PDB file of N, CA and C in Angstrom:
ATOM      1  N   MET A   1      12.357  10.845 -15.632  1.00  0.00           N
ATOM      2  CA  MET A   1      11.472  11.062 -14.503  1.00  0.00           C
ATOM      3  C   MET A   1      11.918  10.136 -13.364  1.00  0.00           C
ATOM      4  N   ASN A   2      12.083  10.704 -12.173  1.00  0.00           N
ATOM      5  CA  ASN A   2      12.541   9.868 -11.066  1.00  0.00           C
ATOM      6  C   ASN A   2      11.394   9.060 -10.464  1.00  0.00           C
ATOM      7  N   GLN A   3      11.753   8.102  -9.647  1.00  0.00           N
ATOM      8  CA  GLN A   3      10.772   7.166  -9.078  1.00  0.00           C
ATOM      9  C   GLN A   3       9.734   7.868  -8.221  1.00  0.00           C
ATOM     10  N   SER A   4      10.152   8.866  -7.468  1.00  0.00           N
ATOM     11  CA  SER A   4       9.226   9.597  -6.600  1.00  0.00           C
ATOM     12  C   SER A   4       8.149  10.306  -7.419  1.00  0.00           C
ATOM     13  N   THR A   5       8.549  10.927  -8.521  1.00  0.00           N
ATOM     14  CA  THR A   5       7.593  11.618  -9.384  1.00  0.00           C
ATOM     15  C   THR A   5       6.622  10.627 -10.011  1.00  0.00           C
ATOM     16  N   GLU A   6       7.148   9.499 -10.474  1.00  0.00           N
ATOM     17  CA  GLU A   6       6.293   8.465 -11.056  1.00  0.00           C
ATOM     18  C   GLU A   6       5.289   7.950 -10.040  1.00  0.00           C
ATOM     19  N   ASN A   7       5.754   7.734  -8.812  1.00  0.00           N
ATOM     20  CA  ASN A   7       4.855   7.267  -7.754  1.00  0.00           C
ATOM     21  C   ASN A   7       3.750   8.271  -7.486  1.00  0.00           C
ATOM     22  N   ASN A   8       4.103   9.552  -7.421  1.00  0.00           N
ATOM     23  CA  ASN A   8       3.095  10.577  -7.149  1.00  0.00           C
ATOM     24  C   ASN A   8       2.076  10.679  -8.273  1.00  0.00           C
ATOM     25  N   ILE A   9       2.516  10.544  -9.513  1.00  0.00           N
ATOM     26  CA  ILE A   9       1.592  10.560 -10.646  1.00  0.00           C
ATOM     27  C   ILE A   9       0.634   9.377 -10.543  1.00  0.00           C
ATOM     28  N   PHE A  10       1.195   8.193 -10.276  1.00  0.00           N
ATOM     29  CA  PHE A  10       0.367   6.996 -10.131  1.00  0.00           C
ATOM     30  C   PHE A  10      -0.624   7.153  -8.986  1.00  0.00           C
ATOM     31  N   LEU A  11      -0.159   7.652  -7.847  1.00  0.00           N
ATOM     32  CA  LEU A  11      -1.039   7.803  -6.684  1.00  0.00           C
ATOM     33  C   LEU A  11      -2.135   8.831  -6.933  1.00  0.00           C
ATOM     34  N   ASN A  12      -1.803   9.938  -7.592  1.00  0.00           N
ATOM     35  CA  ASN A  12      -2.824  10.932  -7.943  1.00  0.00           C
ATOM     36  C   ASN A  12      -3.880  10.324  -8.845  1.00  0.00           C
ATOM     37  N   PHE A  13      -3.434   9.553  -9.815  1.00  0.00           N
ATOM     38  CA  PHE A  13      -4.367   8.879 -10.713  1.00  0.00           C
ATOM     39  C   PHE A  13      -5.259   7.912  -9.930  1.00  0.00           C
ATOM     40  N   PHE A  14      -4.642   7.088  -9.094  1.00  0.00           N
ATOM     41  CA  PHE A  14      -5.376   6.081  -8.332  1.00  0.00           C
ATOM     42  C   PHE A  14      -6.400   6.720  -7.396  1.00  0.00           C
ATOM     43  N   ALA A  15      -6.029   7.809  -6.759  1.00  0.00           N
ATOM     44  CA  ALA A  15      -6.917   8.456  -5.781  1.00  0.00           C
ATOM     45  C   ALA A  15      -8.178   9.015  -6.414  1.00  0.00           C
ATOM     46  N   ASN A  16      -8.150   9.214  -7.710  1.00  0.00           N
ATOM     47  CA  ASN A  16      -9.301   9.823  -8.394  1.00  0.00           C
ATOM     48  C   ASN A  16     -10.015   8.859  -9.329  1.00  0.00           C
ATOM     49  N   THR A  17      -9.929   7.575  -9.057  1.00  0.00           N
ATOM     50  CA  THR A  17     -10.558   6.576  -9.916  1.00  0.00           C
ATOM     51  C   THR A  17     -11.888   6.113  -9.331  1.00  0.00           C
ATOM     52  N   SER A  18     -12.675   5.460 -10.176  1.00  0.00           N
ATOM     53  CA  SER A  18     -13.938   4.882  -9.727  1.00  0.00           C
ATOM     54  C   SER A  18     -13.662   3.527  -9.069  1.00  0.00           C
ATOM     55  N   LYS A  19     -14.668   2.964  -8.472  1.00  0.00           N
ATOM     56  CA  LYS A  19     -14.528   1.674  -7.800  1.00  0.00           C
ATOM     57  C   LYS A  19     -14.070   0.595  -8.778  1.00  0.00           C
ATOM     58  N   ARG A  20     -14.668   0.537  -9.946  1.00  0.00           N
ATOM     59  CA  ARG A  20     -14.292  -0.484 -10.947  1.00  0.00           C
ATOM     60  C   ARG A  20     -12.851  -0.305 -11.400  1.00  0.00           C
ATOM     61  N   GLN A  21     -12.439   0.938 -11.583  1.00  0.00           N
ATOM     62  CA  GLN A  21     -11.061   1.205 -11.986  1.00  0.00           C
ATOM     63  C   GLN A  21     -10.079   0.812 -10.891  1.00  0.00           C
ATOM     64  N   ARG A  22     -10.427   1.128  -9.631  1.00  0.00           N
ATOM     65  CA  ARG A  22      -9.552   0.758  -8.511  1.00  0.00           C
ATOM     66  C   ARG A  22      -9.348  -0.743  -8.448  1.00  0.00           C
ATOM     67  N   ILE A  23     -10.430  -1.481  -8.616  1.00  0.00           N
ATOM     68  CA  ILE A  23     -10.342  -2.948  -8.571  1.00  0.00           C
ATOM     69  C   ILE A  23      -9.413  -3.447  -9.672  1.00  0.00           C
ATOM     70  N   ALA A  24      -9.565  -2.920 -10.874  1.00  0.00           N
ATOM     71  CA  ALA A  24      -8.727  -3.335 -11.993  1.00  0.00           C
ATOM     72  C   ALA A  24      -7.256  -2.981 -11.746  1.00  0.00           C
ATOM     73  N   ILE A  25      -7.014  -1.810 -11.198  1.00  0.00           N
ATOM     74  CA  ILE A  25      -5.636  -1.386 -10.921  1.00  0.00           C
ATOM     75  C   ILE A  25      -5.014  -2.270  -9.846  1.00  0.00           C
ATOM     76  N   ILE A  26      -5.749  -2.535  -8.784  1.00  0.00           N
ATOM     77  CA  ILE A  26      -5.211  -3.365  -7.697  1.00  0.00           C
ATOM     78  C   ILE A  26      -4.861  -4.759  -8.202  1.00  0.00           C
ATOM     79  N   GLN A  27      -5.683  -5.299  -9.063  1.00  0.00           N
ATOM     80  CA  GLN A  27      -5.425  -6.638  -9.592  1.00  0.00           C
ATOM     81  C   GLN A  27      -4.171  -6.693 -10.457  1.00  0.00           C
ATOM     82  N   THR A  28      -3.755  -5.550 -11.008  1.00  0.00           N
ATOM     83  CA  THR A  28      -2.589  -5.533 -11.896  1.00  0.00           C
ATOM     84  C   THR A  28      -1.398  -4.771 -11.314  1.00  0.00           C
ATOM     85  N   LEU A  29      -1.375  -4.567 -10.005  1.00  0.00           N
ATOM     86  CA  LEU A  29      -0.270  -3.842  -9.377  1.00  0.00           C
ATOM     87  C   LEU A  29       1.055  -4.575  -9.582  1.00  0.00           C
ATOM     88  N   THR A  30       2.101  -3.798  -9.832  1.00  0.00           N
ATOM     89  CA  THR A  30       3.445  -4.363  -9.894  1.00  0.00           C
ATOM     90  C   THR A  30       3.963  -4.534  -8.468  1.00  0.00           C
ATOM     91  N   ALA A  31       5.075  -5.199  -8.330  1.00  0.00           N
ATOM     92  CA  ALA A  31       5.665  -5.409  -7.003  1.00  0.00           C
ATOM     93  C   ALA A  31       6.014  -4.066  -6.354  1.00  0.00           C
ATOM     94  N   ASN A  32       6.555  -3.125  -7.128  1.00  0.00           N
ATOM     95  CA  ASN A  32       6.918  -1.809  -6.578  1.00  0.00           C
ATOM     96  C   ASN A  32       5.689  -1.023  -6.150  1.00  0.00           C
ATOM     97  N   GLN A  33       4.634  -1.080  -6.940  1.00  0.00           N
ATOM     98  CA  GLN A  33       3.405  -0.374  -6.588  1.00  0.00           C
ATOM     99  C   GLN A  33       2.762  -0.979  -5.346  1.00  0.00           C
ATOM    100  N   LEU A  34       2.804  -2.290  -5.250  1.00  0.00           N
ATOM    101  CA  LEU A  34       2.265  -2.969  -4.070  1.00  0.00           C
ATOM    102  C   LEU A  34       3.059  -2.580  -2.824  1.00  0.00           C
ATOM    103  N   ARG A  35       4.365  -2.502  -2.954  1.00  0.00           N
ATOM    104  CA  ARG A  35       5.223  -2.089  -1.845  1.00  0.00           C
ATOM    105  C   ARG A  35       4.902  -0.645  -1.450  1.00  0.00           C
ATOM    106  N   LEU A  36       4.656   0.205  -2.443  1.00  0.00           N
ATOM    107  CA  LEU A  36       4.311   1.596  -2.181  1.00  0.00           C
ATOM    108  C   LEU A  36       3.030   1.700  -1.346  1.00  0.00           C
ATOM    109  N   PHE A  37       1.992   0.977  -1.737  1.00  0.00           N
ATOM    110  CA  PHE A  37       0.743   0.971  -0.970  1.00  0.00           C
ATOM    111  C   PHE A  37       0.984   0.468   0.452  1.00  0.00           C
ATOM    112  N   THR A  38       1.753  -0.604   0.565  1.00  0.00           N
ATOM    113  CA  THR A  38       2.023  -1.191   1.876  1.00  0.00           C
ATOM    114  C   THR A  38       2.768  -0.202   2.771  1.00  0.00           C
ATOM    115  N   GLU A  39       3.761   0.492   2.211  1.00  0.00           N
ATOM    116  CA  GLU A  39       4.526   1.463   2.997  1.00  0.00           C
ATOM    117  C   GLU A  39       3.666   2.638   3.437  1.00  0.00           C
ATOM    118  N   ILE A  40       2.798   3.096   2.565  1.00  0.00           N
ATOM    119  CA  ILE A  40       1.910   4.207   2.926  1.00  0.00           C
ATOM    120  C   ILE A  40       0.993   3.795   4.071  1.00  0.00           C
ATOM    121  N   ILE A  41       0.384   2.624   3.958  1.00  0.00           N
ATOM    122  CA  ILE A  41      -0.513   2.142   5.008  1.00  0.00           C
ATOM    123  C   ILE A  41       0.257   1.923   6.311  1.00  0.00           C
ATOM    124  N   TYR A  42       1.449   1.350   6.202  1.00  0.00           N
ATOM    125  CA  TYR A  42       2.291   1.129   7.387  1.00  0.00           C
ATOM    126  C   TYR A  42       2.575   2.456   8.093  1.00  0.00           C
ATOM    127  N   ASN A  43       2.965   3.483   7.333  1.00  0.00           N
ATOM    128  CA  ASN A  43       3.302   4.776   7.928  1.00  0.00           C
ATOM    129  C   ASN A  43       2.090   5.463   8.533  1.00  0.00           C
ATOM    130  N   ILE A  44       0.928   5.258   7.958  1.00  0.00           N
ATOM    131  CA  ILE A  44      -0.289   5.833   8.547  1.00  0.00           C
ATOM    132  C   ILE A  44      -0.612   5.129   9.858  1.00  0.00           C
ATOM    133  N   ILE A  45      -0.537   3.810   9.865  1.00  0.00           N
ATOM    134  CA  ILE A  45      -0.833   3.054  11.087  1.00  0.00           C
ATOM    135  C   ILE A  45       0.157   3.376  12.196  1.00  0.00           C
ATOM    136  N   ARG A  46       1.425   3.512  11.853  1.00  0.00           N
ATOM    137  CA  ARG A  46       2.469   3.782  12.848  1.00  0.00           C
ATOM    138  C   ARG A  46       2.502   5.233  13.315  1.00  0.00           C
ATOM    139  N   GLY A  47       1.707   6.097  12.683  1.00  0.00           N
ATOM    140  CA  GLY A  47       1.648   7.487  13.102  1.00  0.00           C
ATOM    141  C   GLY A  47       2.718   8.370  12.486  1.00  0.00           C
ATOM    142  N   ASN A  48       3.422   7.881  11.486  1.00  0.00           N
ATOM    143  CA  ASN A  48       4.444   8.688  10.825  1.00  0.00           C
ATOM    144  C   ASN A  48       3.831   9.737   9.911  1.00  0.00           C
ATOM    145  N   ILE A  49       2.567   9.566   9.573  1.00  0.00           N
ATOM    146  CA  ILE A  49       1.824  10.537   8.781  1.00  0.00           C
ATOM    147  C   ILE A  49       0.710  11.061   9.675  1.00  0.00           C
ATOM    148  N   SER A  50       0.731  12.357   9.913  1.00  0.00           N
ATOM    149  CA  SER A  50      -0.260  12.928  10.828  1.00  0.00           C
ATOM    150  C   SER A  50      -1.640  12.939  10.180  1.00  0.00           C
ATOM    151  N   LEU A  51      -2.640  12.627  10.988  1.00  0.00           N
ATOM    152  CA  LEU A  51      -4.029  12.548  10.519  1.00  0.00           C
ATOM    153  C   LEU A  51      -4.906  13.470  11.342  1.00  0.00           C
ATOM    154  N   SER A  52      -5.884  14.074  10.682  1.00  0.00           N
ATOM    155  CA  SER A  52      -6.865  14.868  11.427  1.00  0.00           C
ATOM    156  C   SER A  52      -7.822  13.901  12.119  1.00  0.00           C
ATOM    157  N   ASP A  53      -8.557  14.406  13.076  1.00  0.00           N
ATOM    158  CA  ASP A  53      -9.517  13.568  13.805  1.00  0.00           C
ATOM    159  C   ASP A  53     -10.603  13.024  12.878  1.00  0.00           C
ATOM    160  N   ILE A  54     -10.993  13.817  11.890  1.00  0.00           N
ATOM    161  CA  ILE A  54     -12.023  13.374  10.939  1.00  0.00           C
ATOM    162  C   ILE A  54     -11.529  12.186  10.121  1.00  0.00           C
ATOM    163  N   ILE A  55     -10.299  12.279   9.631  1.00  0.00           N
ATOM    164  CA  ILE A  55      -9.736  11.189   8.827  1.00  0.00           C
ATOM    165  C   ILE A  55      -9.535   9.952   9.695  1.00  0.00           C
ATOM    166  N   LYS A  56      -9.069  10.152  10.929  1.00  0.00           N
ATOM    167  CA  LYS A  56      -8.906   9.015  11.846  1.00  0.00           C
ATOM    168  C   LYS A  56     -10.215   8.268  12.041  1.00  0.00           C
ATOM    169  N   SER A  57     -11.292   9.015  12.232  1.00  0.00           N
ATOM    170  CA  SER A  57     -12.582   8.360  12.465  1.00  0.00           C
ATOM    171  C   SER A  57     -13.056   7.620  11.210  1.00  0.00           C
ATOM    172  N   LYS A  58     -12.770   8.166  10.032  1.00  0.00           N
ATOM    173  CA  LYS A  58     -13.160   7.485   8.798  1.00  0.00           C
ATOM    174  C   LYS A  58     -12.342   6.216   8.584  1.00  0.00           C
ATOM    175  N   LEU A  59     -11.060   6.265   8.922  1.00  0.00           N
ATOM    176  CA  LEU A  59     -10.202   5.093   8.739  1.00  0.00           C
ATOM    177  C   LEU A  59     -10.407   4.045   9.831  1.00  0.00           C
ATOM    178  N   LYS A  60     -10.946   4.460  10.968  1.00  0.00           N
ATOM    179  CA  LYS A  60     -11.154   3.544  12.083  1.00  0.00           C
ATOM    180  C   LYS A  60     -12.035   2.362  11.692  1.00  0.00           C
ATOM    181  N   ARG A  61     -12.998   2.624  10.787  1.00  0.00           N
ATOM    182  CA  ARG A  61     -13.878   1.546  10.324  1.00  0.00           C
ATOM    183  C   ARG A  61     -13.116   0.437   9.620  1.00  0.00           C
ATOM    184  N   ASN A  62     -11.987   0.775   9.032  1.00  0.00           N
ATOM    185  CA  ASN A  62     -11.199  -0.194   8.265  1.00  0.00           C
ATOM    186  C   ASN A  62      -9.874  -0.540   8.931  1.00  0.00           C
ATOM    187  N   LYS A  63      -9.747  -0.272  10.224  1.00  0.00           N
ATOM    188  CA  LYS A  63      -8.452  -0.449  10.874  1.00  0.00           C
ATOM    189  C   LYS A  63      -7.951  -1.892  10.805  1.00  0.00           C
ATOM    190  N   ASN A  64      -8.833  -2.863  10.970  1.00  0.00           N
ATOM    191  CA  ASN A  64      -8.383  -4.258  10.907  1.00  0.00           C
ATOM    192  C   ASN A  64      -7.940  -4.633   9.496  1.00  0.00           C
ATOM    193  N   GLY A  65      -8.672  -4.152   8.505  1.00  0.00           N
ATOM    194  CA  GLY A  65      -8.297  -4.406   7.121  1.00  0.00           C
ATOM    195  C   GLY A  65      -6.957  -3.773   6.770  1.00  0.00           C
ATOM    196  N   LEU A  66      -6.740  -2.557   7.254  1.00  0.00           N
ATOM    197  CA  LEU A  66      -5.466  -1.874   7.017  1.00  0.00           C
ATOM    198  C   LEU A  66      -4.318  -2.643   7.676  1.00  0.00           C
ATOM    199  N   ARG A  67      -4.547  -3.117   8.873  1.00  0.00           N
ATOM    200  CA  ARG A  67      -3.509  -3.892   9.578  1.00  0.00           C
ATOM    201  C   ARG A  67      -3.195  -5.197   8.853  1.00  0.00           C
ATOM    202  N   LYS A  68      -4.221  -5.821   8.298  1.00  0.00           N
ATOM    203  CA  LYS A  68      -4.008  -7.084   7.586  1.00  0.00           C
ATOM    204  C   LYS A  68      -3.149  -6.890   6.343  1.00  0.00           C
ATOM    205  N   VAL A  69      -3.282  -5.735   5.682  1.00  0.00           N
ATOM    206  CA  VAL A  69      -2.506  -5.467   4.464  1.00  0.00           C
ATOM    207  C   VAL A  69      -1.009  -5.437   4.754  1.00  0.00           C
ATOM    208  N   ILE A  70      -0.629  -4.938   5.924  1.00  0.00           N
ATOM    209  CA  ILE A  70       0.799  -4.801   6.214  1.00  0.00           C
ATOM    210  C   ILE A  70       1.405  -6.010   6.927  1.00  0.00           C
ATOM    211  N   ALA A  71       0.631  -7.073   7.103  1.00  0.00           N
ATOM    212  CA  ALA A  71       1.160  -8.278   7.750  1.00  0.00           C
ATOM    213  C   ALA A  71       2.360  -8.799   6.964  1.00  0.00           C
ATOM    214  N   ARG A  72       3.409  -9.147   7.646  1.00  0.00           N
ATOM    215  CA  ARG A  72       4.656  -9.565   6.996  1.00  0.00           C
ATOM    216  C   ARG A  72       4.569 -10.916   6.298  1.00  0.00           C
ATOM    217  N   THR A  73       3.645 -11.741   6.701  1.00  0.00           N
ATOM    218  CA  THR A  73       3.595 -13.107   6.183  1.00  0.00           C
ATOM    219  C   THR A  73       2.786 -13.260   4.906  1.00  0.00           C
ATOM    220  N   LEU A  74       2.229 -12.179   4.400  1.00  0.00           N
ATOM    221  CA  LEU A  74       1.369 -12.272   3.220  1.00  0.00           C
ATOM    222  C   LEU A  74       2.175 -12.393   1.932  1.00  0.00           C
ATOM    223  N   SER A  75       1.662 -13.188   1.022  1.00  0.00           N
ATOM    224  CA  SER A  75       2.240 -13.231  -0.320  1.00  0.00           C
ATOM    225  C   SER A  75       1.688 -12.047  -1.105  1.00  0.00           C
ATOM    226  N   ARG A  76       2.238 -11.796  -2.289  1.00  0.00           N
ATOM    227  CA  ARG A  76       1.734 -10.687  -3.116  1.00  0.00           C
ATOM    228  C   ARG A  76       0.255 -10.880  -3.438  1.00  0.00           C
ATOM    229  N   LYS A  77      -0.117 -12.101  -3.780  1.00  0.00           N
ATOM    230  CA  LYS A  77      -1.499 -12.392  -4.144  1.00  0.00           C
ATOM    231  C   LYS A  77      -2.436 -12.128  -2.965  1.00  0.00           C
ATOM    232  N   GLU A  78      -2.045 -12.570  -1.775  1.00  0.00           N
ATOM    233  CA  GLU A  78      -2.860 -12.350  -0.582  1.00  0.00           C
ATOM    234  C   GLU A  78      -2.949 -10.862  -0.235  1.00  0.00           C
ATOM    235  N   ARG A  79      -1.835 -10.157  -0.405  1.00  0.00           N
ATOM    236  CA  ARG A  79      -1.827  -8.723  -0.106  1.00  0.00           C
ATOM    237  C   ARG A  79      -2.768  -7.964  -1.050  1.00  0.00           C
ATOM    238  N   LYS A  80      -2.791  -8.373  -2.312  1.00  0.00           N
ATOM    239  CA  LYS A  80      -3.710  -7.753  -3.267  1.00  0.00           C
ATOM    240  C   LYS A  80      -5.159  -8.014  -2.865  1.00  0.00           C
ATOM    241  N   ARG A  81      -5.430  -9.230  -2.405  1.00  0.00           N
ATOM    242  CA  ARG A  81      -6.796  -9.548  -1.944  1.00  0.00           C
ATOM    243  C   ARG A  81      -7.199  -8.665  -0.768  1.00  0.00           C
ATOM    244  N   LYS A  82      -6.267  -8.465   0.146  1.00  0.00           N
ATOM    245  CA  LYS A  82      -6.548  -7.613   1.310  1.00  0.00           C
ATOM    246  C   LYS A  82      -6.775  -6.170   0.877  1.00  0.00           C
ATOM    247  N   LEU A  83      -6.015  -5.707  -0.123  1.00  0.00           N
ATOM    248  CA  LEU A  83      -6.233  -4.362  -0.652  1.00  0.00           C
ATOM    249  C   LEU A  83      -7.617  -4.242  -1.296  1.00  0.00           C
ATOM    250  N   LEU A  84      -8.031  -5.297  -1.983  1.00  0.00           N
ATOM    251  CA  LEU A  84      -9.369  -5.296  -2.583  1.00  0.00           C
ATOM    252  C   LEU A  84     -10.450  -5.204  -1.513  1.00  0.00           C
ATOM    253  N   ASP A  85     -10.194  -5.830  -0.361  1.00  0.00           N
ATOM    254  CA  ASP A  85     -11.165  -5.787   0.732  1.00  0.00           C
ATOM    255  C   ASP A  85     -11.366  -4.364   1.270  1.00  0.00           C
ATOM    256  N   ILE A  86     -10.304  -3.552   1.222  1.00  0.00           N
ATOM    257  CA  ILE A  86     -10.392  -2.198   1.777  1.00  0.00           C
ATOM    258  C   ILE A  86     -10.330  -1.130   0.681  1.00  0.00           C
ATOM    259  N   GLN A  87     -10.584  -1.512  -0.554  1.00  0.00           N
ATOM    260  CA  GLN A  87     -10.396  -0.583  -1.662  1.00  0.00           C
ATOM    261  C   GLN A  87     -11.251   0.682  -1.544  1.00  0.00           C
ATOM    262  N   ASN A  88     -12.339   0.641  -0.798  1.00  0.00           N
ATOM    263  CA  ASN A  88     -13.177   1.839  -0.644  1.00  0.00           C
ATOM    264  C   ASN A  88     -12.496   2.937   0.166  1.00  0.00           C
ATOM    265  N   CYS A  89     -11.602   2.576   1.084  1.00  0.00           N
ATOM    266  CA  CYS A  89     -10.937   3.607   1.883  1.00  0.00           C
ATOM    267  C   CYS A  89      -9.565   3.984   1.320  1.00  0.00           C
ATOM    268  N   LEU A  90      -9.104   3.304   0.283  1.00  0.00           N
ATOM    269  CA  LEU A  90      -7.776   3.601  -0.264  1.00  0.00           C
ATOM    270  C   LEU A  90      -7.647   5.019  -0.825  1.00  0.00           C
ATOM    271  N   PRO A  91      -8.652   5.569  -1.509  1.00  0.00           N
ATOM    272  CA  PRO A  91      -8.483   6.956  -1.958  1.00  0.00           C
ATOM    273  C   PRO A  91      -8.222   7.927  -0.807  1.00  0.00           C
ATOM    274  N   LEU A  92      -8.897   7.729   0.319  1.00  0.00           N
ATOM    275  CA  LEU A  92      -8.668   8.576   1.483  1.00  0.00           C
ATOM    276  C   LEU A  92      -7.242   8.399   2.005  1.00  0.00           C
ATOM    277  N   VAL A  93      -6.779   7.159   2.060  1.00  0.00           N
ATOM    278  CA  VAL A  93      -5.417   6.873   2.512  1.00  0.00           C
ATOM    279  C   VAL A  93      -4.408   7.551   1.594  1.00  0.00           C
ATOM    280  N   ILE A  94      -4.596   7.413   0.291  1.00  0.00           N
ATOM    281  CA  ILE A  94      -3.661   7.972  -0.680  1.00  0.00           C
ATOM    282  C   ILE A  94      -3.690   9.498  -0.642  1.00  0.00           C
ATOM    283  N   LYS A  95      -4.871  10.086  -0.583  1.00  0.00           N
ATOM    284  CA  LYS A  95      -4.964  11.546  -0.528  1.00  0.00           C
ATOM    285  C   LYS A  95      -4.322  12.096   0.740  1.00  0.00           C
ATOM    286  N   THR A  96      -4.481  11.382   1.840  1.00  0.00           N
ATOM    287  CA  THR A  96      -3.842  11.790   3.092  1.00  0.00           C
ATOM    288  C   THR A  96      -2.328  11.777   2.938  1.00  0.00           C
ATOM    289  N   TYR A  97      -1.817  10.718   2.326  1.00  0.00           N
ATOM    290  CA  TYR A  97      -0.376  10.618   2.088  1.00  0.00           C
ATOM    291  C   TYR A  97       0.107  11.743   1.174  1.00  0.00           C
ATOM    292  N   LEU A  98      -0.597  11.986   0.087  1.00  0.00           N
ATOM    293  CA  LEU A  98      -0.183  13.021  -0.859  1.00  0.00           C
ATOM    294  C   LEU A  98      -0.213  14.401  -0.213  1.00  0.00           C
ATOM    295  N   ASN A  99      -1.213  14.666   0.624  1.00  0.00           N
ATOM    296  CA  ASN A  99      -1.266  15.946   1.338  1.00  0.00           C
ATOM    297  C   ASN A  99      -0.103  16.074   2.298  1.00  0.00           C
ATOM    298  N   HIS A 100       0.250  14.982   2.946  1.00  0.00           N
ATOM    299  CA  HIS A 100       1.388  14.985   3.869  1.00  0.00           C
ATOM    300  C   HIS A 100       2.681  15.267   3.103  1.00  0.00           C
ATOM    301  N   GLU A 101       2.845  14.648   1.949  1.00  0.00           N
ATOM    302  CA  GLU A 101       4.032  14.850   1.125  1.00  0.00           C
ATOM    303  C   GLU A 101       4.137  16.286   0.640  1.00  0.00           C
ATOM    304  N   SER A 102       3.020  16.887   0.269  1.00  0.00           N
ATOM    305  CA  SER A 102       3.057  18.258  -0.243  1.00  0.00           C
ATOM    306  C   SER A 102       3.350  19.262   0.866  1.00  0.00           C
ATOM    307  N   ARG A 103       3.074  18.894   2.115  1.00  0.00           N
ATOM    308  CA  ARG A 103       3.377  19.777   3.246  1.00  0.00           C
ATOM    309  C   ARG A 103       4.815  19.654   3.698  1.00  0.00           C
ATOM    310  N   ASP A 104       5.532  18.676   3.193  1.00  0.00           N
ATOM    311  CA  ASP A 104       6.911  18.452   3.608  1.00  0.00           C
ATOM    312  C   ASP A 104       7.746  19.688   3.298  1.00  0.00           C
ATOM    313  N   ASP A 105       8.282  20.309   4.330  1.00  0.00           N
ATOM    314  CA  ASP A 105       9.024  21.555   4.169  1.00  0.00           C
ATOM    315  C   ASP A 105      10.438  21.351   3.639  1.00  0.00           C
ATOM    316  N   PHE A 106      10.984  20.158   3.784  1.00  0.00           N
ATOM    317  CA  PHE A 106      12.378  19.940   3.446  1.00  0.00           C
ATOM    318  C   PHE A 106      12.483  18.834   2.410  1.00  0.00           C
ATOM    319  N   ASN A 107      12.322  19.209   1.139  1.00  0.00           N
ATOM    320  CA  ASN A 107      12.296  18.212   0.085  1.00  0.00           C
ATOM    321  C   ASN A 107      13.677  17.830  -0.421  1.00  0.00           C
ATOM    322  N   THR A 108      14.624  18.725  -0.352  1.00  0.00           N
ATOM    323  CA  THR A 108      15.939  18.436  -0.903  1.00  0.00           C
ATOM    324  C   THR A 108      16.987  18.437   0.196  1.00  0.00           C
ATOM    325  N   GLU A 109      18.112  17.797  -0.095  1.00  0.00           N
ATOM    326  CA  GLU A 109      19.211  17.786   0.873  1.00  0.00           C
ATOM    327  C   GLU A 109      19.683  19.199   1.165  1.00  0.00           C
ATOM    328  N   GLU A 110      19.706  20.027   0.120  1.00  0.00           N
ATOM    329  CA  GLU A 110      20.149  21.412   0.278  1.00  0.00           C
ATOM    330  C   GLU A 110      19.262  22.163   1.265  1.00  0.00           C
ATOM    331  N   GLU A 111      17.944  21.972   1.168  1.00  0.00           N
ATOM    332  CA  GLU A 111      17.022  22.637   2.081  1.00  0.00           C
ATOM    333  C   GLU A 111      17.180  22.112   3.501  1.00  0.00           C
ATOM    334  N   ILE A 112      17.453  20.825   3.637  1.00  0.00           N
ATOM    335  CA  ILE A 112      17.656  20.244   4.968  1.00  0.00           C
ATOM    336  C   ILE A 112      18.909  20.833   5.599  1.00  0.00           C
ATOM    337  N   ARG A 113      19.993  20.904   4.814  1.00  0.00           N
ATOM    338  CA  ARG A 113      21.244  21.489   5.326  1.00  0.00           C
ATOM    339  C   ARG A 113      21.023  22.949   5.724  1.00  0.00           C
ATOM    340  N   GLU A 114      20.323  23.674   4.871  1.00  0.00           N
ATOM    341  CA  GLU A 114      20.072  25.090   5.138  1.00  0.00           C
ATOM    342  C   GLU A 114      19.277  25.263   6.430  1.00  0.00           C
ATOM    343  N   HIS A 115      18.247  24.433   6.607  1.00  0.00           N
ATOM    344  CA  HIS A 115      17.429  24.507   7.814  1.00  0.00           C
ATOM    345  C   HIS A 115      18.242  24.164   9.058  1.00  0.00           C
ATOM    346  N   ALA A 116      19.127  23.179   8.935  1.00  0.00           N
ATOM    347  CA  ALA A 116      19.931  22.748  10.069  1.00  0.00           C
ATOM    348  C   ALA A 116      21.140  23.664  10.301  1.00  0.00           C
ATOM    349  N   GLY A 117      21.389  24.558   9.365  1.00  0.00           N
ATOM    350  CA  GLY A 117      22.520  25.470   9.519  1.00  0.00           C
ATOM    351  C   GLY A 117      23.850  24.811   9.202  1.00  0.00           C
ATOM    352  N   ILE A 118      23.836  23.781   8.375  1.00  0.00           N
ATOM    353  CA  ILE A 118      25.055  23.065   8.014  1.00  0.00           C
ATOM    354  C   ILE A 118      25.595  23.652   6.714  1.00  0.00           C
ATOM    355  N   THR A 119      26.859  24.033   6.727  1.00  0.00           N
ATOM    356  CA  THR A 119      27.490  24.526   5.510  1.00  0.00           C
ATOM    357  C   THR A 119      28.332  23.431   4.889  1.00  0.00           C
ATOM    358  N   GLU A 120      28.774  23.661   3.662  1.00  0.00           N
ATOM    359  CA  GLU A 120      29.609  22.647   2.999  1.00  0.00           C
ATOM    360  C   GLU A 120      30.907  22.449   3.761  1.00  0.00           C
ATOM    361  N   ARG A 121      31.431  23.527   4.375  1.00  0.00           N
ATOM    362  CA  ARG A 121      32.662  23.434   5.143  1.00  0.00           C
ATOM    363  C   ARG A 121      32.478  22.500   6.336  1.00  0.00           C
ATOM    364  N   ASP A 122      31.302  22.527   6.979  1.00  0.00           N
ATOM    365  CA  ASP A 122      31.016  21.660   8.125  1.00  0.00           C
ATOM    366  C   ASP A 122      31.051  20.191   7.749  1.00  0.00           C
ATOM    367  N   GLU A 123      30.682  19.890   6.512  1.00  0.00           N
ATOM    368  CA  GLU A 123      30.601  18.491   6.097  1.00  0.00           C
ATOM    369  C   GLU A 123      31.966  17.888   5.809  1.00  0.00           C
ATOM    370  N   ARG A 124      32.964  18.725   5.569  1.00  0.00           N
ATOM    371  CA  ARG A 124      34.302  18.222   5.231  1.00  0.00           C
ATOM    372  C   ARG A 124      35.045  17.782   6.411  1.00  0.00           C
TER     373      ARG A 124
END
């Protein structure tokens, strides 16, 4: 199983957990899982993941908390604490990311080449 599939399984599981389960999971996140959460939040804040107006308004309440999670100067322990502070909005963040990923029209290199009209001969 590749890393992307493992991440999606983990994120699907996390998005559907109770508050107590989320807290327990956040406290035991691995470095890779913590990086995954940070990257998702970073991409949402930077606008790389499109959001509906409804989701934007729901996340607006936690905008400062989301920004604090992606601060470069945080240690792993501090970043986990910041995630715990915003754990109520994390399922929405994760579901938004997963929906964005499922809408991605070009999942493979072959599909990207096909869409761009690039043939194998062009690459040589």
